[in-house]
PDB file of N, CA and C in Angstrom:
ATOM      1  N   MET A   1     -61.304 -63.078  24.633  1.00  0.00           N
ATOM      2  CA  MET A   1     -59.902 -62.794  24.482  1.00  0.00           C
ATOM      3  C   MET A   1     -59.654 -62.276  23.073  1.00  0.00           C
ATOM      4  N   ASN A   2     -58.828 -61.269  22.974  1.00  0.00           N
ATOM      5  CA  ASN A   2     -58.507 -60.654  21.705  1.00  0.00           C
ATOM      6  C   ASN A   2     -57.640 -61.599  20.877  1.00  0.00           C
ATOM      7  N   PRO A   3     -58.062 -62.010  19.670  1.00  0.00           N
ATOM      8  CA  PRO A   3     -57.284 -62.947  18.870  1.00  0.00           C
ATOM      9  C   PRO A   3     -55.946 -62.391  18.415  1.00  0.00           C
ATOM     10  N   ALA A   4     -55.776 -61.076  18.437  1.00  0.00           N
ATOM     11  CA  ALA A   4     -54.508 -60.483  18.016  1.00  0.00           C
ATOM     12  C   ALA A   4     -53.423 -60.658  19.062  1.00  0.00           C
ATOM     13  N   GLN A   5     -53.822 -60.991  20.288  1.00  0.00           N
ATOM     14  CA  GLN A   5     -52.849 -61.159  21.348  1.00  0.00           C
ATOM     15  C   GLN A   5     -52.299 -62.579  21.329  1.00  0.00           C
ATOM     16  N   SER A   6     -51.015 -62.721  21.654  1.00  0.00           N
ATOM     17  CA  SER A   6     -50.398 -64.041  21.641  1.00  0.00           C
ATOM     18  C   SER A   6     -50.819 -64.834  22.862  1.00  0.00           C
ATOM     19  N   VAL A   7     -50.870 -66.155  22.696  1.00  0.00           N
ATOM     20  CA  VAL A   7     -51.210 -67.042  23.796  1.00  0.00           C
ATOM     21  C   VAL A   7     -50.006 -67.930  24.052  1.00  0.00           C
ATOM     22  N   GLN A   8     -49.470 -67.859  25.262  1.00  0.00           N
ATOM     23  CA  GLN A   8     -48.308 -68.647  25.631  1.00  0.00           C
ATOM     24  C   GLN A   8     -48.551 -69.290  26.979  1.00  0.00           C
ATOM     25  N   VAL A   9     -47.689 -70.227  27.349  1.00  0.00           N
ATOM     26  CA  VAL A   9     -47.801 -70.873  28.653  1.00  0.00           C
ATOM     27  C   VAL A   9     -47.236 -69.944  29.707  1.00  0.00           C
ATOM     28  N   ALA A  10     -47.904 -69.843  30.838  1.00  0.00           N
ATOM     29  CA  ALA A  10     -47.469 -68.999  31.937  1.00  0.00           C
ATOM     30  C   ALA A  10     -47.388 -69.838  33.205  1.00  0.00           C
ATOM     31  N   ARG A  11     -46.940 -69.257  34.272  1.00  0.00           N
ATOM     32  CA  ARG A  11     -46.779 -69.938  35.547  1.00  0.00           C
ATOM     33  C   ARG A  11     -48.052 -69.772  36.372  1.00  0.00           C
ATOM     34  N   ALA A  12     -48.531 -70.855  36.941  1.00  0.00           N
ATOM     35  CA  ALA A  12     -49.696 -70.800  37.836  1.00  0.00           C
ATOM     36  C   ALA A  12     -49.187 -70.881  39.270  1.00  0.00           C
ATOM     37  N   VAL A  13     -49.593 -69.946  40.086  1.00  0.00           N
ATOM     38  CA  VAL A  13     -49.170 -69.914  41.475  1.00  0.00           C
ATOM     39  C   VAL A  13     -50.289 -70.493  42.324  1.00  0.00           C
ATOM     40  N   GLY A  14     -49.977 -71.499  43.110  1.00  0.00           N
ATOM     41  CA  GLY A  14     -50.967 -72.096  43.978  1.00  0.00           C
ATOM     42  C   GLY A  14     -51.912 -73.030  43.254  1.00  0.00           C
ATOM     43  N   ALA A  15     -51.566 -73.441  42.045  1.00  0.00           N
ATOM     44  CA  ALA A  15     -52.408 -74.347  41.275  1.00  0.00           C
ATOM     45  C   ALA A  15     -51.631 -75.625  40.996  1.00  0.00           C
ATOM     46  N   SER A  16     -52.340 -76.648  40.560  1.00  0.00           N
ATOM     47  CA  SER A  16     -51.663 -77.902  40.248  1.00  0.00           C
ATOM     48  C   SER A  16     -50.804 -77.729  39.004  1.00  0.00           C
ATOM     49  N   VAL A  17     -49.823 -78.617  38.856  1.00  0.00           N
ATOM     50  CA  VAL A  17     -48.854 -78.502  37.769  1.00  0.00           C
ATOM     51  C   VAL A  17     -49.512 -78.606  36.402  1.00  0.00           C
ATOM     52  N   ASP A  18     -50.596 -79.378  36.277  1.00  0.00           N
ATOM     53  CA  ASP A  18     -51.220 -79.577  34.980  1.00  0.00           C
ATOM     54  C   ASP A  18     -52.272 -78.528  34.631  1.00  0.00           C
ATOM     55  N   SER A  19     -52.365 -77.461  35.403  1.00  0.00           N
ATOM     56  CA  SER A  19     -53.333 -76.400  35.099  1.00  0.00           C
ATOM     57  C   SER A  19     -52.963 -75.701  33.796  1.00  0.00           C
ATOM     58  N   ALA A  20     -53.949 -75.408  32.991  1.00  0.00           N
ATOM     59  CA  ALA A  20     -53.719 -74.673  31.754  1.00  0.00           C
ATOM     60  C   ALA A  20     -53.852 -73.187  32.052  1.00  0.00           C
ATOM     61  N   VAL A  21     -52.859 -72.430  31.661  1.00  0.00           N
ATOM     62  CA  VAL A  21     -52.887 -70.985  31.853  1.00  0.00           C
ATOM     63  C   VAL A  21     -52.481 -70.312  30.560  1.00  0.00           C
ATOM     64  N   GLN A  22     -52.836 -69.031  30.431  1.00  0.00           N
ATOM     65  CA  GLN A  22     -52.543 -68.301  29.210  1.00  0.00           C
ATOM     66  C   GLN A  22     -51.873 -66.983  29.534  1.00  0.00           C
ATOM     67  N   GLN A  23     -51.076 -66.502  28.582  1.00  0.00           N
ATOM     68  CA  GLN A  23     -50.407 -65.220  28.722  1.00  0.00           C
ATOM     69  C   GLN A  23     -50.892 -64.304  27.618  1.00  0.00           C
ATOM     70  N   GLN A  24     -51.173 -63.027  27.984  1.00  0.00           N
ATOM     71  CA  GLN A  24     -51.731 -62.117  27.003  1.00  0.00           C
ATOM     72  C   GLN A  24     -50.846 -60.925  26.707  1.00  0.00           C
ATOM     73  N   SER A  25     -49.691 -60.820  27.309  1.00  0.00           N
ATOM     74  CA  SER A  25     -48.817 -59.689  27.029  1.00  0.00           C
ATOM     75  C   SER A  25     -47.385 -60.147  27.148  1.00  0.00           C
ATOM     76  N   SER A  26     -46.453 -59.212  27.058  1.00  0.00           N
ATOM     77  CA  SER A  26     -45.050 -59.574  27.174  1.00  0.00           C
ATOM     78  C   SER A  26     -44.668 -59.885  28.612  1.00  0.00           C
ATOM     79  N   ALA A  27     -45.487 -59.488  29.571  1.00  0.00           N
ATOM     80  CA  ALA A  27     -45.225 -59.779  30.974  1.00  0.00           C
ATOM     81  C   ALA A  27     -45.622 -61.218  31.281  1.00  0.00           C
ATOM     82  N   GLU A  28     -44.919 -61.832  32.232  1.00  0.00           N
ATOM     83  CA  GLU A  28     -45.294 -63.179  32.640  1.00  0.00           C
ATOM     84  C   GLU A  28     -46.572 -63.107  33.475  1.00  0.00           C
ATOM     85  N   VAL A  29     -47.508 -64.021  33.216  1.00  0.00           N
ATOM     86  CA  VAL A  29     -48.791 -64.016  33.906  1.00  0.00           C
ATOM     87  C   VAL A  29     -48.739 -64.986  35.075  1.00  0.00           C
ATOM     88  N   LEU A  30     -49.081 -64.483  36.255  1.00  0.00           N
ATOM     89  CA  LEU A  30     -49.170 -65.308  37.448  1.00  0.00           C
ATOM     90  C   LEU A  30     -50.640 -65.411  37.826  1.00  0.00           C
ATOM     91  N   LYS A  31     -51.177 -66.619  37.824  1.00  0.00           N
ATOM     92  CA  LYS A  31     -52.583 -66.853  38.170  1.00  0.00           C
ATOM     93  C   LYS A  31     -52.665 -67.108  39.667  1.00  0.00           C
ATOM     94  N   VAL A  32     -53.549 -66.385  40.341  1.00  0.00           N
ATOM     95  CA  VAL A  32     -53.689 -66.501  41.792  1.00  0.00           C
ATOM     96  C   VAL A  32     -55.074 -67.031  42.119  1.00  0.00           C
ATOM     97  N   SER A  33     -55.132 -67.986  43.042  1.00  0.00           N
ATOM     98  CA  SER A  33     -56.416 -68.516  43.494  1.00  0.00           C
ATOM     99  C   SER A  33     -56.620 -68.156  44.960  1.00  0.00           C
ATOM    100  N   THR A  34     -57.771 -68.473  45.474  1.00  0.00           N
ATOM    101  CA  THR A  34     -58.085 -68.228  46.877  1.00  0.00           C
ATOM    102  C   THR A  34     -57.129 -69.002  47.787  1.00  0.00           C
ATOM    103  N   ARG A  35     -56.679 -70.160  47.327  1.00  0.00           N
ATOM    104  CA  ARG A  35     -55.785 -71.004  48.125  1.00  0.00           C
ATOM    105  C   ARG A  35     -54.307 -70.660  47.973  1.00  0.00           C
ATOM    106  N   SER A  36     -53.970 -69.703  47.118  1.00  0.00           N
ATOM    107  CA  SER A  36     -52.566 -69.318  46.932  1.00  0.00           C
ATOM    108  C   SER A  36     -52.022 -68.670  48.202  1.00  0.00           C
ATOM    109  N   ARG A  37     -50.802 -69.029  48.560  1.00  0.00           N
ATOM    110  CA  ARG A  37     -50.140 -68.400  49.702  1.00  0.00           C
ATOM    111  C   ARG A  37     -49.550 -67.063  49.243  1.00  0.00           C
ATOM    112  N   PRO A  38     -49.946 -65.954  49.868  1.00  0.00           N
ATOM    113  CA  PRO A  38     -49.443 -64.643  49.434  1.00  0.00           C
ATOM    114  C   PRO A  38     -47.920 -64.551  49.434  1.00  0.00           C
ATOM    115  N   SER A  39     -47.248 -65.179  50.387  1.00  0.00           N
ATOM    116  CA  SER A  39     -45.783 -65.107  50.420  1.00  0.00           C
ATOM    117  C   SER A  39     -45.162 -65.846  49.226  1.00  0.00           C
ATOM    118  N   ALA A  40     -45.768 -66.960  48.810  1.00  0.00           N
ATOM    119  CA  ALA A  40     -45.274 -67.683  47.642  1.00  0.00           C
ATOM    120  C   ALA A  40     -45.505 -66.888  46.365  1.00  0.00           C
ATOM    121  N   VAL A  41     -46.680 -66.280  46.251  1.00  0.00           N
ATOM    122  CA  VAL A  41     -46.975 -65.445  45.085  1.00  0.00           C
ATOM    123  C   VAL A  41     -46.037 -64.237  45.066  1.00  0.00           C
ATOM    124  N   ALA A  42     -45.780 -63.657  46.246  1.00  0.00           N
ATOM    125  CA  ALA A  42     -44.876 -62.505  46.341  1.00  0.00           C
ATOM    126  C   ALA A  42     -43.481 -62.871  45.863  1.00  0.00           C
ATOM    127  N   GLY A  43     -43.007 -64.044  46.236  1.00  0.00           N
ATOM    128  CA  GLY A  43     -41.693 -64.499  45.766  1.00  0.00           C
ATOM    129  C   GLY A  43     -41.661 -64.649  44.263  1.00  0.00           C
ATOM    130  N   ALA A  44     -42.759 -65.177  43.684  1.00  0.00           N
ATOM    131  CA  ALA A  44     -42.838 -65.313  42.227  1.00  0.00           C
ATOM    132  C   ALA A  44     -42.865 -63.944  41.552  1.00  0.00           C
ATOM    133  N   ILE A  45     -43.638 -63.015  42.112  1.00  0.00           N
ATOM    134  CA  ILE A  45     -43.688 -61.660  41.553  1.00  0.00           C
ATOM    135  C   ILE A  45     -42.303 -61.028  41.608  1.00  0.00           C
ATOM    136  N   ALA A  46     -41.640 -61.114  42.754  1.00  0.00           N
ATOM    137  CA  ALA A  46     -40.303 -60.520  42.899  1.00  0.00           C
ATOM    138  C   ALA A  46     -39.323 -61.135  41.906  1.00  0.00           C
ATOM    139  N   GLY A  47     -39.396 -62.450  41.721  1.00  0.00           N
ATOM    140  CA  GLY A  47     -38.506 -63.106  40.760  1.00  0.00           C
ATOM    141  C   GLY A  47     -38.733 -62.647  39.340  1.00  0.00           C
ATOM    142  N   VAL A  48     -39.996 -62.521  38.949  1.00  0.00           N
ATOM    143  CA  VAL A  48     -40.309 -62.066  37.590  1.00  0.00           C
ATOM    144  C   VAL A  48     -39.881 -60.617  37.406  1.00  0.00           C
ATOM    145  N   ILE A  49     -40.090 -59.781  38.418  1.00  0.00           N
ATOM    146  CA  ILE A  49     -39.674 -58.372  38.332  1.00  0.00           C
ATOM    147  C   ILE A  49     -38.160 -58.293  38.177  1.00  0.00           C
ATOM    148  N   ARG A  50     -37.435 -59.099  38.935  1.00  0.00           N
ATOM    149  CA  ARG A  50     -35.965 -59.105  38.821  1.00  0.00           C
ATOM    150  C   ARG A  50     -35.532 -59.512  37.416  1.00  0.00           C
ATOM    151  N   GLU A  51     -36.216 -60.505  36.836  1.00  0.00           N
ATOM    152  CA  GLU A  51     -35.864 -61.009  35.506  1.00  0.00           C
ATOM    153  C   GLU A  51     -36.233 -60.046  34.392  1.00  0.00           C
ATOM    154  N   SER A  52     -37.510 -59.614  34.379  1.00  0.00           N
ATOM    155  CA  SER A  52     -37.987 -58.870  33.217  1.00  0.00           C
ATOM    156  C   SER A  52     -38.496 -57.465  33.520  1.00  0.00           C
ATOM    157  N   GLY A  53     -38.660 -57.127  34.795  1.00  0.00           N
ATOM    158  CA  GLY A  53     -39.117 -55.787  35.148  1.00  0.00           C
ATOM    159  C   GLY A  53     -40.617 -55.601  35.155  1.00  0.00           C
ATOM    160  N   THR A  54     -41.372 -56.598  34.648  1.00  0.00           N
ATOM    161  CA  THR A  54     -42.824 -56.498  34.579  1.00  0.00           C
ATOM    162  C   THR A  54     -43.445 -57.861  34.854  1.00  0.00           C
ATOM    163  N   ALA A  55     -44.491 -57.874  35.680  1.00  0.00           N
ATOM    164  CA  ALA A  55     -45.243 -59.102  35.943  1.00  0.00           C
ATOM    165  C   ALA A  55     -46.729 -58.792  35.856  1.00  0.00           C
ATOM    166  N   GLU A  56     -47.487 -59.773  35.433  1.00  0.00           N
ATOM    167  CA  GLU A  56     -48.944 -59.632  35.378  1.00  0.00           C
ATOM    168  C   GLU A  56     -49.547 -60.662  36.316  1.00  0.00           C
ATOM    169  N   VAL A  57     -50.413 -60.200  37.208  1.00  0.00           N
ATOM    170  CA  VAL A  57     -51.079 -61.072  38.170  1.00  0.00           C
ATOM    171  C   VAL A  57     -52.560 -61.066  37.834  1.00  0.00           C
ATOM    172  N   GLN A  58     -53.154 -62.252  37.691  1.00  0.00           N
ATOM    173  CA  GLN A  58     -54.580 -62.352  37.383  1.00  0.00           C
ATOM    174  C   GLN A  58     -55.292 -63.125  38.474  1.00  0.00           C
ATOM    175  N   SER A  59     -56.495 -62.667  38.813  1.00  0.00           N
ATOM    176  CA  SER A  59     -57.305 -63.341  39.819  1.00  0.00           C
ATOM    177  C   SER A  59     -58.777 -63.210  39.450  1.00  0.00           C
ATOM    178  N   ILE A  60     -59.549 -64.223  39.844  1.00  0.00           N
ATOM    179  CA  ILE A  60     -60.991 -64.197  39.626  1.00  0.00           C
ATOM    180  C   ILE A  60     -61.656 -64.415  40.974  1.00  0.00           C
ATOM    181  N   GLY A  61     -62.469 -63.459  41.391  1.00  0.00           N
ATOM    182  CA  GLY A  61     -63.190 -63.566  42.647  1.00  0.00           C
ATOM    183  C   GLY A  61     -62.533 -62.780  43.765  1.00  0.00           C
ATOM    184  N   ALA A  62     -63.321 -62.511  44.795  1.00  0.00           N
ATOM    185  CA  ALA A  62     -62.869 -61.677  45.905  1.00  0.00           C
ATOM    186  C   ALA A  62     -61.723 -62.319  46.680  1.00  0.00           C
ATOM    187  N   GLY A  63     -61.815 -63.612  46.969  1.00  0.00           N
ATOM    188  CA  GLY A  63     -60.771 -64.284  47.739  1.00  0.00           C
ATOM    189  C   GLY A  63     -59.442 -64.306  47.015  1.00  0.00           C
ATOM    190  N   ALA A  64     -59.471 -64.611  45.731  1.00  0.00           N
ATOM    191  CA  ALA A  64     -58.242 -64.645  44.935  1.00  0.00           C
ATOM    192  C   ALA A  64     -57.646 -63.244  44.788  1.00  0.00           C
ATOM    193  N   THR A  65     -58.500 -62.255  44.602  1.00  0.00           N
ATOM    194  CA  THR A  65     -58.024 -60.876  44.475  1.00  0.00           C
ATOM    195  C   THR A  65     -57.408 -60.403  45.785  1.00  0.00           C
ATOM    196  N   ASN A  66     -57.978 -60.795  46.907  1.00  0.00           N
ATOM    197  CA  ASN A  66     -57.419 -60.466  48.210  1.00  0.00           C
ATOM    198  C   ASN A  66     -56.005 -61.043  48.341  1.00  0.00           C
ATOM    199  N   GLN A  67     -55.822 -62.302  47.960  1.00  0.00           N
ATOM    200  CA  GLN A  67     -54.508 -62.935  48.038  1.00  0.00           C
ATOM    201  C   GLN A  67     -53.520 -62.232  47.095  1.00  0.00           C
ATOM    202  N   ALA A  68     -53.985 -61.837  45.920  1.00  0.00           N
ATOM    203  CA  ALA A  68     -53.123 -61.178  44.942  1.00  0.00           C
ATOM    204  C   ALA A  68     -52.645 -59.815  45.444  1.00  0.00           C
ATOM    205  N   ILE A  69     -53.546 -59.039  46.037  1.00  0.00           N
ATOM    206  CA  ILE A  69     -53.180 -57.717  46.550  1.00  0.00           C
ATOM    207  C   ILE A  69     -52.189 -57.843  47.696  1.00  0.00           C
ATOM    208  N   LYS A  70     -52.433 -58.803  48.592  1.00  0.00           N
ATOM    209  CA  LYS A  70     -51.487 -59.028  49.691  1.00  0.00           C
ATOM    210  C   LYS A  70     -50.122 -59.419  49.129  1.00  0.00           C
ATOM    211  N   ALA A  71     -50.109 -60.250  48.089  1.00  0.00           N
ATOM    212  CA  ALA A  71     -48.853 -60.687  47.484  1.00  0.00           C
ATOM    213  C   ALA A  71     -48.076 -59.511  46.890  1.00  0.00           C
ATOM    214  N   VAL A  72     -48.767 -58.586  46.247  1.00  0.00           N
ATOM    215  CA  VAL A  72     -48.092 -57.413  45.675  1.00  0.00           C
ATOM    216  C   VAL A  72     -47.458 -56.582  46.788  1.00  0.00           C
ATOM    217  N   ALA A  73     -48.176 -56.406  47.887  1.00  0.00           N
ATOM    218  CA  ALA A  73     -47.637 -55.639  49.018  1.00  0.00           C
ATOM    219  C   ALA A  73     -46.402 -56.327  49.604  1.00  0.00           C
ATOM    220  N   ILE A  74     -46.454 -57.647  49.735  1.00  0.00           N
ATOM    221  CA  ILE A  74     -45.305 -58.394  50.265  1.00  0.00           C
ATOM    222  C   ILE A  74     -44.133 -58.327  49.291  1.00  0.00           C
ATOM    223  N   ALA A  75     -44.407 -58.480  47.994  1.00  0.00           N
ATOM    224  CA  ALA A  75     -43.348 -58.395  46.981  1.00  0.00           C
ATOM    225  C   ALA A  75     -42.679 -57.029  47.012  1.00  0.00           C
ATOM    226  N   ARG A  76     -43.471 -56.007  47.251  1.00  0.00           N
ATOM    227  CA  ARG A  76     -42.913 -54.647  47.328  1.00  0.00           C
ATOM    228  C   ARG A  76     -41.911 -54.551  48.466  1.00  0.00           C
ATOM    229  N   SER A  77     -42.232 -55.168  49.601  1.00  0.00           N
ATOM    230  CA  SER A  77     -41.289 -55.131  50.727  1.00  0.00           C
ATOM    231  C   SER A  77     -40.055 -55.976  50.426  1.00  0.00           C
ATOM    232  N   TYR A  78     -40.226 -57.132  49.767  1.00  0.00           N
ATOM    233  CA  TYR A  78     -39.064 -57.950  49.378  1.00  0.00           C
ATOM    234  C   TYR A  78     -38.120 -57.145  48.489  1.00  0.00           C
ATOM    235  N   LEU A  79     -38.684 -56.493  47.483  1.00  0.00           N
ATOM    236  CA  LEU A  79     -37.861 -55.782  46.506  1.00  0.00           C
ATOM    237  C   LEU A  79     -37.290 -54.483  47.055  1.00  0.00           C
ATOM    238  N   SER A  80     -37.965 -53.861  48.014  1.00  0.00           N
ATOM    239  CA  SER A  80     -37.457 -52.604  48.581  1.00  0.00           C
ATOM    240  C   SER A  80     -36.130 -52.826  49.303  1.00  0.00           C
ATOM    241  N   GLU A  81     -35.901 -54.046  49.826  1.00  0.00           N
ATOM    242  CA  GLU A  81     -34.632 -54.376  50.465  1.00  0.00           C
ATOM    243  C   GLU A  81     -33.475 -54.335  49.469  1.00  0.00           C
ATOM    244  N   GLU A  82     -33.803 -54.463  48.182  1.00  0.00           N
ATOM    245  CA  GLU A  82     -32.798 -54.422  47.112  1.00  0.00           C
ATOM    246  C   GLU A  82     -32.774 -53.063  46.413  1.00  0.00           C
ATOM    247  N   GLY A  83     -33.549 -52.111  46.925  1.00  0.00           N
ATOM    248  CA  GLY A  83     -33.589 -50.786  46.320  1.00  0.00           C
ATOM    249  C   GLY A  83     -34.485 -50.697  45.095  1.00  0.00           C
ATOM    250  N   VAL A  84     -35.376 -51.658  44.919  1.00  0.00           N
ATOM    251  CA  VAL A  84     -36.294 -51.678  43.775  1.00  0.00           C
ATOM    252  C   VAL A  84     -37.688 -51.310  44.283  1.00  0.00           C
ATOM    253  N   ASP A  85     -38.330 -50.337  43.628  1.00  0.00           N
ATOM    254  CA  ASP A  85     -39.693 -49.957  43.972  1.00  0.00           C
ATOM    255  C   ASP A  85     -40.603 -50.402  42.839  1.00  0.00           C
ATOM    256  N   ILE A  86     -41.786 -50.897  43.191  1.00  0.00           N
ATOM    257  CA  ILE A  86     -42.734 -51.343  42.177  1.00  0.00           C
ATOM    258  C   ILE A  86     -44.064 -50.614  42.346  1.00  0.00           C
ATOM    259  N   VAL A  87     -44.808 -50.560  41.251  1.00  0.00           N
ATOM    260  CA  VAL A  87     -46.161 -50.008  41.260  1.00  0.00           C
ATOM    261  C   VAL A  87     -47.092 -51.058  40.675  1.00  0.00           C
ATOM    262  N   CYS A  88     -48.372 -50.924  40.988  1.00  0.00           N
ATOM    263  CA  CYS A  88     -49.385 -51.885  40.544  1.00  0.00           C
ATOM    264  C   CYS A  88     -50.506 -51.110  39.854  1.00  0.00           C
ATOM    265  N   VAL A  89     -50.829 -51.510  38.639  1.00  0.00           N
ATOM    266  CA  VAL A  89     -51.911 -50.877  37.884  1.00  0.00           C
ATOM    267  C   VAL A  89     -53.026 -51.908  37.702  1.00  0.00           C
ATOM    268  N   PRO A  90     -54.165 -51.709  38.383  1.00  0.00           N
ATOM    269  CA  PRO A  90     -55.266 -52.678  38.265  1.00  0.00           C
ATOM    270  C   PRO A  90     -56.155 -52.397  37.058  1.00  0.00           C
ATOM    271  N   SER A  91     -56.722 -53.466  36.508  1.00  0.00           N
ATOM    272  CA  SER A  91     -57.688 -53.346  35.420  1.00  0.00           C
ATOM    273  C   SER A  91     -58.506 -54.627  35.338  1.00  0.00           C
ATOM    274  N   PHE A  92     -59.519 -54.608  34.503  1.00  0.00           N
ATOM    275  CA  PHE A  92     -60.318 -55.799  34.248  1.00  0.00           C
ATOM    276  C   PHE A  92     -59.819 -56.441  32.963  1.00  0.00           C
ATOM    277  N   ILE A  93     -59.959 -57.758  32.878  1.00  0.00           N
ATOM    278  CA  ILE A  93     -59.582 -58.474  31.668  1.00  0.00           C
ATOM    279  C   ILE A  93     -60.536 -59.651  31.508  1.00  0.00           C
ATOM    280  N   ASP A  94     -60.926 -59.948  30.280  1.00  0.00           N
ATOM    281  CA  ASP A  94     -61.770 -61.105  30.005  1.00  0.00           C
ATOM    282  C   ASP A  94     -60.868 -62.295  29.723  1.00  0.00           C
ATOM    283  N   VAL A  95     -61.096 -63.402  30.414  1.00  0.00           N
ATOM    284  CA  VAL A  95     -60.314 -64.618  30.212  1.00  0.00           C
ATOM    285  C   VAL A  95     -61.261 -65.764  29.869  1.00  0.00           C
ATOM    286  N   SER A  96     -60.759 -66.745  29.154  1.00  0.00           N
ATOM    287  CA  SER A  96     -61.548 -67.902  28.774  1.00  0.00           C
ATOM    288  C   SER A  96     -61.125 -69.090  29.628  1.00  0.00           C
ATOM    289  N   ILE A  97     -62.073 -69.636  30.392  1.00  0.00           N
ATOM    290  CA  ILE A  97     -61.815 -70.804  31.234  1.00  0.00           C
ATOM    291  C   ILE A  97     -62.848 -71.860  30.871  1.00  0.00           C
ATOM    292  N   ASP A  98     -62.367 -73.013  30.398  1.00  0.00           N
ATOM    293  CA  ASP A  98     -63.266 -74.092  29.968  1.00  0.00           C
ATOM    294  C   ASP A  98     -64.288 -73.582  28.958  1.00  0.00           C
ATOM    295  N   ASP A  99     -63.822 -72.842  27.977  1.00  0.00           N
ATOM    296  CA  ASP A  99     -64.668 -72.269  26.917  1.00  0.00           C
ATOM    297  C   ASP A  99     -65.753 -71.344  27.443  1.00  0.00           C
ATOM    298  N   GLU A 100     -65.537 -70.751  28.604  1.00  0.00           N
ATOM    299  CA  GLU A 100     -66.480 -69.798  29.189  1.00  0.00           C
ATOM    300  C   GLU A 100     -65.734 -68.499  29.473  1.00  0.00           C
ATOM    301  N   GLU A 101     -66.312 -67.386  29.067  1.00  0.00           N
ATOM    302  CA  GLU A 101     -65.686 -66.082  29.306  1.00  0.00           C
ATOM    303  C   GLU A 101     -65.933 -65.639  30.742  1.00  0.00           C
ATOM    304  N   ARG A 102     -64.872 -65.242  31.443  1.00  0.00           N
ATOM    305  CA  ARG A 102     -64.965 -64.744  32.814  1.00  0.00           C
ATOM    306  C   ARG A 102     -64.238 -63.413  32.886  1.00  0.00           C
ATOM    307  N   THR A 103     -64.638 -62.564  33.803  1.00  0.00           N
ATOM    308  CA  THR A 103     -63.947 -61.304  34.026  1.00  0.00           C
ATOM    309  C   THR A 103     -62.996 -61.483  35.193  1.00  0.00           C
ATOM    310  N   ALA A 104     -61.744 -61.142  34.967  1.00  0.00           N
ATOM    311  CA  ALA A 104     -60.711 -61.270  35.995  1.00  0.00           C
ATOM    312  C   ALA A 104     -60.173 -59.887  36.334  1.00  0.00           C
ATOM    313  N   ILE A 105     -59.530 -59.819  37.475  1.00  0.00           N
ATOM    314  CA  ILE A 105     -58.778 -58.617  37.850  1.00  0.00           C
ATOM    315  C   ILE A 105     -57.352 -58.834  37.347  1.00  0.00           C
ATOM    316  N   ARG A 106     -56.830 -57.842  36.680  1.00  0.00           N
ATOM    317  CA  ARG A 106     -55.462 -57.901  36.155  1.00  0.00           C
ATOM    318  C   ARG A 106     -54.652 -56.848  36.902  1.00  0.00           C
ATOM    319  N   LEU A 107     -53.585 -57.283  37.551  1.00  0.00           N
ATOM    320  CA  LEU A 107     -52.679 -56.355  38.234  1.00  0.00           C
ATOM    321  C   LEU A 107     -51.371 -56.353  37.453  1.00  0.00           C
ATOM    322  N   LEU A 108     -51.083 -55.247  36.804  1.00  0.00           N
ATOM    323  CA  LEU A 108     -49.817 -55.097  36.102  1.00  0.00           C
ATOM    324  C   LEU A 108     -48.815 -54.511  37.089  1.00  0.00           C
ATOM    325  N   VAL A 109     -47.784 -55.262  37.395  1.00  0.00           N
ATOM    326  CA  VAL A 109     -46.781 -54.854  38.377  1.00  0.00           C
ATOM    327  C   VAL A 109     -45.518 -54.506  37.606  1.00  0.00           C
ATOM    328  N   GLU A 110     -45.010 -53.283  37.817  1.00  0.00           N
ATOM    329  CA  GLU A 110     -43.837 -52.793  37.098  1.00  0.00           C
ATOM    330  C   GLU A 110     -42.886 -52.091  38.031  1.00  0.00           C
ATOM    331  N   ARG A 111     -41.623 -52.015  37.608  1.00  0.00           N
ATOM    332  CA  ARG A 111     -40.663 -51.190  38.347  1.00  0.00           C
ATOM    333  C   ARG A 111     -41.070 -49.730  38.227  1.00  0.00           C
ATOM    334  N   ARG A 112     -40.868 -48.990  39.297  1.00  0.00           N
ATOM    335  CA  ARG A 112     -41.171 -47.559  39.252  1.00  0.00           C
ATOM    336  C   ARG A 112     -39.948 -46.831  38.762  1.00  0.00           C
TER     337      ARG A 112
END
């Protein structure tokens, strides 16, 4: 993780309340796991987009990434009912979990 980036508390979707999560940009970070419900994650994405216009979704592994992509598609349909269109920009990001560096998928979701 780049030390120049700020570290703040973010919301974990589908995780226990005491999970430690980190934020690396001005967008709110939503952590998605294999067990996350896509509709719940979609609601969180839509809420963050309504509030700030930008959300960051992070996932590690194929199952979690699958849930995250489905959530973005569902959030897009939720927001389209309000006349809001969103786009998703995927990238890789290195995250530190239990003092171990892992590569995650980062989905930056923004208003179009």
